[in-house]
Amino acid sequence: MGHNMRYIPHTAIKSQALTNFVIEWTEVQLLTLDVTHEYWTMYFDGSIMMPGSGARVVLISLDGSRLCYAIRLHFSSSNNATEYEALINGLCITIELGATRLYVHGDSELVIDQVMKESSYKSPLMVAYCQEVRKLKDKF
C-alpha cells in the first residue's frame, strides 16, 4: 500500500521576495564616496540604564567609513557624567585610530558649554571630566 507523494519545491515566499527587493534596492542607493574628508567626525551620546550606564560613539573616518561603539559603564552616574564618559571614550578611540582633525557632535548642552568654556561647574566631578576632555582635545 504505497502512498502517492511527490516533492514540489517552494517558489519565492513573499517575505523572501521583500527581503531580496530591499537588498537589491539598497545596493543601488548607496553612494560611492569619491572625496576624502579633511576631518574625522564623531557623534557621542550617553544614557542611563539600570543597573549602570552606557555610551554610544559613532566615528566617521576620512574615507567615510562608519565605526560604531557601544560602551557599558559598570557604575552608577548622572546623565552629565555619562555624556562626559561618552565624549572621553570617543576621543580616546579616535586618538588610537590616528585621527588628528576631528569634528565633535553631541546633544548635551551642559557638556558642550563646559568644554567650550561658556558654562561654570557646580561639581568637582564635572571639573575633572572637563579637564580630561581638554587634555585629550590638545592632541588634535
N, C-alpha and C. Protein backbone atom coordinates (compact mmCIF):
# COMPACT_ATOMS: atom_id res chain seq x y z
N MET A 1 0.82 -1.17 0.00
CA MET A 1 0.00 0.00 0.00
C MET A 1 0.88 1.25 0.00
N GLY A 2 1.24 1.73 -1.15
CA GLY A 2 2.11 2.89 -1.26
C GLY A 2 1.35 4.21 -1.17
N HIS A 3 2.05 5.15 -0.78
CA HIS A 3 1.47 6.50 -0.69
C HIS A 3 1.85 7.26 -1.94
N ASN A 4 0.96 7.99 -2.44
CA ASN A 4 1.20 8.79 -3.62
C ASN A 4 1.68 10.18 -3.17
N MET A 5 2.98 10.35 -2.97
CA MET A 5 3.55 11.63 -2.52
C MET A 5 4.57 12.09 -3.54
N ARG A 6 4.64 13.35 -3.71
CA ARG A 6 5.67 13.91 -4.57
C ARG A 6 6.17 15.21 -3.96
N TYR A 7 7.41 15.53 -4.21
CA TYR A 7 8.05 16.73 -3.68
C TYR A 7 7.91 17.87 -4.67
N ILE A 8 7.42 18.99 -4.20
CA ILE A 8 7.30 20.20 -5.04
C ILE A 8 8.07 21.31 -4.32
N PRO A 9 9.16 21.79 -4.88
CA PRO A 9 9.92 22.87 -4.22
C PRO A 9 9.10 24.15 -4.19
N HIS A 10 9.28 24.88 -3.11
CA HIS A 10 8.58 26.16 -2.97
C HIS A 10 9.23 27.22 -3.85
N THR A 11 8.41 28.06 -4.40
CA THR A 11 8.93 29.22 -5.12
C THR A 11 9.14 30.32 -4.08
N ALA A 12 9.48 31.48 -4.53
CA ALA A 12 9.79 32.57 -3.61
C ALA A 12 8.63 32.84 -2.65
N ILE A 13 8.97 32.91 -1.38
CA ILE A 13 7.98 33.25 -0.37
C ILE A 13 7.90 34.77 -0.32
N LYS A 14 6.72 35.30 -0.06
CA LYS A 14 6.54 36.75 -0.09
C LYS A 14 7.57 37.49 0.76
N SER A 15 7.82 37.02 1.97
CA SER A 15 8.77 37.73 2.83
C SER A 15 10.18 37.66 2.24
N GLN A 16 10.55 36.56 1.62
CA GLN A 16 11.86 36.45 1.00
C GLN A 16 11.95 37.38 -0.20
N ALA A 17 10.87 37.49 -0.97
CA ALA A 17 10.86 38.41 -2.10
C ALA A 17 11.05 39.84 -1.63
N LEU A 18 10.42 40.21 -0.52
CA LEU A 18 10.57 41.55 0.04
C LEU A 18 12.01 41.77 0.49
N THR A 19 12.58 40.79 1.15
CA THR A 19 13.96 40.88 1.60
C THR A 19 14.90 41.06 0.42
N ASN A 20 14.71 40.26 -0.61
CA ASN A 20 15.55 40.38 -1.81
C ASN A 20 15.42 41.76 -2.44
N PHE A 21 14.19 42.28 -2.51
CA PHE A 21 13.97 43.60 -3.08
C PHE A 21 14.72 44.67 -2.28
N VAL A 22 14.62 44.61 -0.94
CA VAL A 22 15.28 45.60 -0.10
C VAL A 22 16.79 45.54 -0.29
N ILE A 23 17.35 44.33 -0.35
CA ILE A 23 18.79 44.18 -0.54
C ILE A 23 19.21 44.76 -1.88
N GLU A 24 18.50 44.41 -2.94
CA GLU A 24 18.84 44.91 -4.27
C GLU A 24 18.68 46.42 -4.35
N TRP A 25 17.63 46.95 -3.78
CA TRP A 25 17.37 48.39 -3.83
C TRP A 25 18.41 49.15 -3.03
N THR A 26 18.79 48.62 -1.86
CA THR A 26 19.77 49.29 -1.01
C THR A 26 21.11 49.39 -1.70
N GLU A 27 21.53 48.32 -2.37
CA GLU A 27 22.80 48.35 -3.07
C GLU A 27 22.82 49.42 -4.14
N VAL A 28 21.73 49.62 -4.83
CA VAL A 28 21.65 50.63 -5.88
C VAL A 28 21.70 52.03 -5.28
N GLN A 29 21.12 52.21 -4.09
CA GLN A 29 21.01 53.53 -3.49
C GLN A 29 22.28 54.01 -2.78
N LEU A 30 23.22 53.10 -2.48
CA LEU A 30 24.43 53.50 -1.78
C LEU A 30 25.25 54.45 -2.63
N LEU A 31 25.72 55.50 -2.00
CA LEU A 31 26.55 56.47 -2.69
C LEU A 31 28.00 56.03 -2.62
N THR A 32 28.72 56.24 -3.69
CA THR A 32 30.15 55.98 -3.65
C THR A 32 30.83 57.28 -3.24
N LEU A 33 31.72 57.17 -2.30
CA LEU A 33 32.42 58.34 -1.80
C LEU A 33 33.71 58.52 -2.57
N ASP A 34 33.75 59.54 -3.42
CA ASP A 34 34.94 59.81 -4.20
C ASP A 34 35.84 60.82 -3.50
N VAL A 35 35.27 61.60 -2.61
CA VAL A 35 36.00 62.68 -1.97
C VAL A 35 36.43 62.23 -0.58
N THR A 36 37.69 62.46 -0.26
CA THR A 36 38.13 62.21 1.11
C THR A 36 37.93 63.49 1.90
N HIS A 37 37.64 63.32 3.17
CA HIS A 37 37.39 64.45 4.03
C HIS A 37 38.66 64.82 4.78
N GLU A 38 38.74 66.06 5.16
CA GLU A 38 39.91 66.53 5.89
C GLU A 38 39.80 66.21 7.38
N TYR A 39 38.58 66.09 7.88
CA TYR A 39 38.33 65.87 9.29
C TYR A 39 37.57 64.56 9.51
N TRP A 40 37.89 63.87 10.61
CA TRP A 40 37.05 62.80 11.10
C TRP A 40 35.85 63.47 11.76
N THR A 41 34.76 62.74 11.92
CA THR A 41 33.58 63.24 12.61
C THR A 41 33.22 62.26 13.70
N MET A 42 32.87 62.80 14.88
CA MET A 42 32.47 61.95 15.99
C MET A 42 31.13 62.43 16.55
N TYR A 43 30.23 61.48 16.76
CA TYR A 43 28.96 61.72 17.43
C TYR A 43 28.99 60.94 18.73
N PHE A 44 28.65 61.59 19.83
CA PHE A 44 28.65 60.88 21.11
C PHE A 44 27.33 61.10 21.83
N ASP A 45 26.97 60.12 22.66
CA ASP A 45 25.75 60.22 23.45
C ASP A 45 25.85 59.26 24.63
N GLY A 46 25.42 59.71 25.77
CA GLY A 46 25.39 58.87 26.96
C GLY A 46 23.95 58.60 27.35
N SER A 47 23.72 57.49 28.03
CA SER A 47 22.37 57.20 28.50
C SER A 47 22.45 56.43 29.81
N ILE A 48 21.46 56.66 30.64
CA ILE A 48 21.40 55.99 31.93
C ILE A 48 20.46 54.80 31.81
N MET A 49 20.96 53.64 32.26
CA MET A 49 20.16 52.42 32.25
C MET A 49 20.26 51.79 33.63
N MET A 50 19.44 50.84 33.90
CA MET A 50 19.54 50.12 35.16
C MET A 50 20.12 48.76 34.88
N PRO A 51 21.08 48.26 35.52
CA PRO A 51 21.88 48.86 36.57
C PRO A 51 23.20 49.39 35.99
N GLY A 52 23.30 50.59 35.69
CA GLY A 52 24.52 51.18 35.14
C GLY A 52 24.18 52.18 34.07
N SER A 53 25.17 52.48 33.26
CA SER A 53 25.00 53.47 32.22
C SER A 53 25.70 52.99 30.96
N GLY A 54 25.42 53.67 29.88
CA GLY A 54 26.05 53.31 28.62
C GLY A 54 26.38 54.53 27.81
N ALA A 55 27.25 54.35 26.86
CA ALA A 55 27.65 55.43 25.98
C ALA A 55 27.72 54.90 24.56
N ARG A 56 27.38 55.75 23.64
CA ARG A 56 27.46 55.40 22.22
C ARG A 56 28.37 56.41 21.53
N VAL A 57 29.19 55.90 20.64
CA VAL A 57 30.09 56.74 19.87
C VAL A 57 30.03 56.25 18.43
N VAL A 58 29.86 57.18 17.50
CA VAL A 58 29.94 56.87 16.08
C VAL A 58 31.03 57.74 15.50
N LEU A 59 31.99 57.09 14.85
CA LEU A 59 33.09 57.81 14.20
C LEU A 59 32.96 57.64 12.70
N ILE A 60 33.20 58.71 11.99
CA ILE A 60 33.22 58.67 10.53
C ILE A 60 34.62 59.06 10.10
N SER A 61 35.30 58.12 9.44
CA SER A 61 36.70 58.31 9.07
C SER A 61 36.82 59.22 7.85
N LEU A 62 38.05 59.47 7.47
CA LEU A 62 38.32 60.34 6.32
C LEU A 62 37.72 59.80 5.03
N ASP A 63 37.63 58.47 4.92
CA ASP A 63 37.08 57.89 3.69
C ASP A 63 35.57 57.63 3.79
N GLY A 64 34.95 58.07 4.90
CA GLY A 64 33.50 57.92 5.04
C GLY A 64 33.07 56.65 5.75
N SER A 65 34.02 55.82 6.17
CA SER A 65 33.66 54.60 6.91
C SER A 65 33.08 54.96 8.27
N ARG A 66 32.04 54.23 8.67
CA ARG A 66 31.39 54.46 9.96
C ARG A 66 31.82 53.38 10.94
N LEU A 67 32.29 53.83 12.09
CA LEU A 67 32.69 52.93 13.16
C LEU A 67 31.78 53.21 14.35
N CYS A 68 31.05 52.20 14.80
CA CYS A 68 30.08 52.38 15.88
C CYS A 68 30.56 51.64 17.12
N TYR A 69 30.50 52.32 18.26
CA TYR A 69 30.95 51.74 19.52
C TYR A 69 29.84 51.88 20.56
N ALA A 70 29.67 50.84 21.34
CA ALA A 70 28.77 50.86 22.49
C ALA A 70 29.63 50.57 23.71
N ILE A 71 29.54 51.41 24.71
CA ILE A 71 30.37 51.31 25.90
C ILE A 71 29.48 51.14 27.11
N ARG A 72 29.70 50.10 27.86
CA ARG A 72 28.91 49.84 29.07
C ARG A 72 29.70 50.34 30.27
N LEU A 73 29.10 51.22 31.06
CA LEU A 73 29.72 51.74 32.27
C LEU A 73 29.19 50.93 33.44
N HIS A 74 30.06 50.33 34.18
CA HIS A 74 29.66 49.46 35.29
C HIS A 74 29.66 50.21 36.61
N PHE A 75 29.15 51.40 36.59
CA PHE A 75 29.00 52.19 37.80
C PHE A 75 27.84 53.14 37.58
N SER A 76 27.23 53.55 38.67
CA SER A 76 26.11 54.49 38.53
C SER A 76 26.67 55.90 38.36
N SER A 77 26.00 56.66 37.54
CA SER A 77 26.47 58.02 37.26
C SER A 77 25.29 58.89 36.85
N SER A 78 25.52 60.17 36.89
CA SER A 78 24.50 61.12 36.46
C SER A 78 24.47 61.15 34.93
N ASN A 79 23.45 61.76 34.40
CA ASN A 79 23.34 61.90 32.95
C ASN A 79 24.53 62.68 32.39
N ASN A 80 24.92 63.75 33.08
CA ASN A 80 26.04 64.56 32.59
C ASN A 80 27.35 63.78 32.63
N ALA A 81 27.57 63.00 33.69
CA ALA A 81 28.78 62.19 33.77
C ALA A 81 28.80 61.14 32.66
N THR A 82 27.66 60.58 32.36
CA THR A 82 27.57 59.59 31.28
C THR A 82 27.90 60.24 29.93
N GLU A 83 27.42 61.45 29.73
CA GLU A 83 27.75 62.18 28.49
C GLU A 83 29.26 62.42 28.40
N TYR A 84 29.86 62.84 29.51
CA TYR A 84 31.31 63.04 29.52
C TYR A 84 32.06 61.73 29.24
N GLU A 85 31.59 60.63 29.81
CA GLU A 85 32.22 59.33 29.56
C GLU A 85 32.17 58.99 28.07
N ALA A 86 31.04 59.27 27.45
CA ALA A 86 30.92 59.01 26.01
C ALA A 86 31.92 59.86 25.24
N LEU A 87 32.01 61.14 25.58
CA LEU A 87 32.92 62.05 24.89
C LEU A 87 34.38 61.63 25.09
N ILE A 88 34.76 61.34 26.32
CA ILE A 88 36.14 60.97 26.62
C ILE A 88 36.51 59.66 25.93
N ASN A 89 35.65 58.67 26.03
CA ASN A 89 35.93 57.39 25.36
C ASN A 89 36.03 57.57 23.85
N GLY A 90 35.14 58.38 23.29
CA GLY A 90 35.19 58.64 21.85
C GLY A 90 36.48 59.32 21.44
N LEU A 91 36.94 60.29 22.23
CA LEU A 91 38.20 60.96 21.92
C LEU A 91 39.38 59.99 22.01
N CYS A 92 39.38 59.14 23.04
CA CYS A 92 40.46 58.15 23.19
C CYS A 92 40.50 57.18 22.01
N ILE A 93 39.34 56.71 21.59
CA ILE A 93 39.27 55.80 20.45
C ILE A 93 39.78 56.48 19.19
N THR A 94 39.36 57.71 19.00
CA THR A 94 39.76 58.46 17.80
C THR A 94 41.27 58.68 17.77
N ILE A 95 41.84 58.99 18.92
CA ILE A 95 43.30 59.17 19.01
C ILE A 95 44.01 57.86 18.67
N GLU A 96 43.50 56.76 19.22
CA GLU A 96 44.10 55.44 18.94
C GLU A 96 44.04 55.10 17.45
N LEU A 97 43.01 55.58 16.78
CA LEU A 97 42.87 55.31 15.34
C LEU A 97 43.74 56.22 14.48
N GLY A 98 44.39 57.18 15.12
CA GLY A 98 45.33 58.04 14.40
C GLY A 98 44.75 59.32 13.82
N ALA A 99 43.55 59.69 14.21
CA ALA A 99 42.96 60.92 13.70
C ALA A 99 43.67 62.13 14.31
N THR A 100 43.85 63.16 13.51
CA THR A 100 44.47 64.39 14.01
C THR A 100 43.55 65.60 13.89
N ARG A 101 42.49 65.46 13.13
CA ARG A 101 41.49 66.53 12.99
C ARG A 101 40.11 65.92 13.20
N LEU A 102 39.28 66.61 13.97
CA LEU A 102 38.03 65.99 14.38
C LEU A 102 36.93 67.02 14.59
N TYR A 103 35.76 66.75 14.02
CA TYR A 103 34.54 67.47 14.36
C TYR A 103 33.81 66.62 15.40
N VAL A 104 33.31 67.25 16.45
CA VAL A 104 32.62 66.52 17.52
C VAL A 104 31.20 67.04 17.64
N HIS A 105 30.24 66.11 17.69
CA HIS A 105 28.82 66.45 17.84
C HIS A 105 28.24 65.68 19.02
N GLY A 106 27.50 66.38 19.86
CA GLY A 106 26.84 65.75 20.98
C GLY A 106 25.56 66.50 21.30
N ASP A 107 24.68 65.88 22.07
CA ASP A 107 23.40 66.52 22.38
C ASP A 107 23.32 67.08 23.80
N SER A 108 24.43 67.02 24.55
CA SER A 108 24.43 67.53 25.91
C SER A 108 24.89 68.98 25.93
N GLU A 109 23.94 69.86 26.12
CA GLU A 109 24.25 71.29 26.12
C GLU A 109 25.24 71.65 27.23
N LEU A 110 25.06 71.05 28.42
CA LEU A 110 25.94 71.35 29.53
C LEU A 110 27.38 70.93 29.23
N VAL A 111 27.58 69.73 28.75
CA VAL A 111 28.93 69.24 28.46
C VAL A 111 29.58 70.11 27.39
N ILE A 112 28.87 70.41 26.35
CA ILE A 112 29.43 71.24 25.27
C ILE A 112 29.75 72.63 25.78
N ASP A 113 28.86 73.24 26.57
CA ASP A 113 29.12 74.57 27.12
C ASP A 113 30.33 74.56 28.05
N GLN A 114 30.46 73.54 28.88
CA GLN A 114 31.61 73.48 29.79
C GLN A 114 32.91 73.29 29.03
N VAL A 115 32.91 72.43 28.05
CA VAL A 115 34.14 72.20 27.28
C VAL A 115 34.52 73.44 26.47
N MET A 116 33.53 74.14 25.97
CA MET A 116 33.80 75.36 25.19
C MET A 116 34.00 76.58 26.08
N LYS A 117 34.07 76.37 27.42
CA LYS A 117 34.35 77.42 28.42
C LYS A 117 33.24 78.45 28.51
N GLU A 118 32.01 78.07 28.24
CA GLU A 118 30.89 79.01 28.32
C GLU A 118 30.03 78.78 29.55
N SER A 119 30.31 77.76 30.33
CA SER A 119 29.47 77.42 31.46
C SER A 119 30.33 77.16 32.68
N SER A 120 29.77 77.39 33.86
CA SER A 120 30.52 77.14 35.09
C SER A 120 30.25 75.73 35.59
N TYR A 121 31.02 75.31 36.56
CA TYR A 121 30.92 73.96 37.11
C TYR A 121 30.29 74.02 38.49
N LYS A 122 29.40 73.11 38.77
CA LYS A 122 28.79 73.01 40.09
C LYS A 122 29.31 71.81 40.84
N SER A 123 30.07 70.96 40.18
CA SER A 123 30.53 69.72 40.79
C SER A 123 32.01 69.52 40.51
N PRO A 124 32.78 69.10 41.51
CA PRO A 124 34.20 68.79 41.27
C PRO A 124 34.37 67.67 40.24
N LEU A 125 33.42 66.76 40.17
CA LEU A 125 33.49 65.69 39.18
C LEU A 125 33.42 66.26 37.77
N MET A 126 32.55 67.23 37.55
CA MET A 126 32.43 67.84 36.22
C MET A 126 33.71 68.59 35.87
N VAL A 127 34.36 69.21 36.87
CA VAL A 127 35.64 69.88 36.63
C VAL A 127 36.67 68.86 36.15
N ALA A 128 36.74 67.71 36.82
CA ALA A 128 37.71 66.67 36.46
C ALA A 128 37.43 66.13 35.05
N TYR A 129 36.16 65.89 34.76
CA TYR A 129 35.80 65.41 33.41
C TYR A 129 36.22 66.43 32.35
N CYS A 130 35.91 67.69 32.59
CA CYS A 130 36.21 68.72 31.60
C CYS A 130 37.72 68.87 31.40
N GLN A 131 38.48 68.79 32.48
CA GLN A 131 39.94 68.86 32.36
C GLN A 131 40.48 67.71 31.52
N GLU A 132 39.90 66.52 31.70
CA GLU A 132 40.32 65.36 30.90
C GLU A 132 40.01 65.58 29.42
N VAL A 133 38.84 66.11 29.13
CA VAL A 133 38.49 66.39 27.74
C VAL A 133 39.46 67.40 27.13
N ARG A 134 39.80 68.42 27.88
CA ARG A 134 40.72 69.45 27.36
C ARG A 134 42.11 68.87 27.11
N LYS A 135 42.57 67.95 27.96
CA LYS A 135 43.87 67.29 27.72
C LYS A 135 43.83 66.49 26.43
N LEU A 136 42.73 65.75 26.24
CA LEU A 136 42.59 64.95 25.02
C LEU A 136 42.43 65.83 23.78
N LYS A 137 41.73 66.93 23.95
CA LYS A 137 41.47 67.86 22.84
C LYS A 137 42.78 68.43 22.28
N ASP A 138 43.77 68.58 23.14
CA ASP A 138 45.06 69.13 22.70
C ASP A 138 45.80 68.20 21.74
N LYS A 139 45.38 66.95 21.63
CA LYS A 139 46.03 66.00 20.72
C LYS A 139 45.52 66.12 19.29
N PHE A 140 44.56 66.99 19.07
CA PHE A 140 44.01 67.19 17.73
C PHE A 140 44.47 68.52 17.18
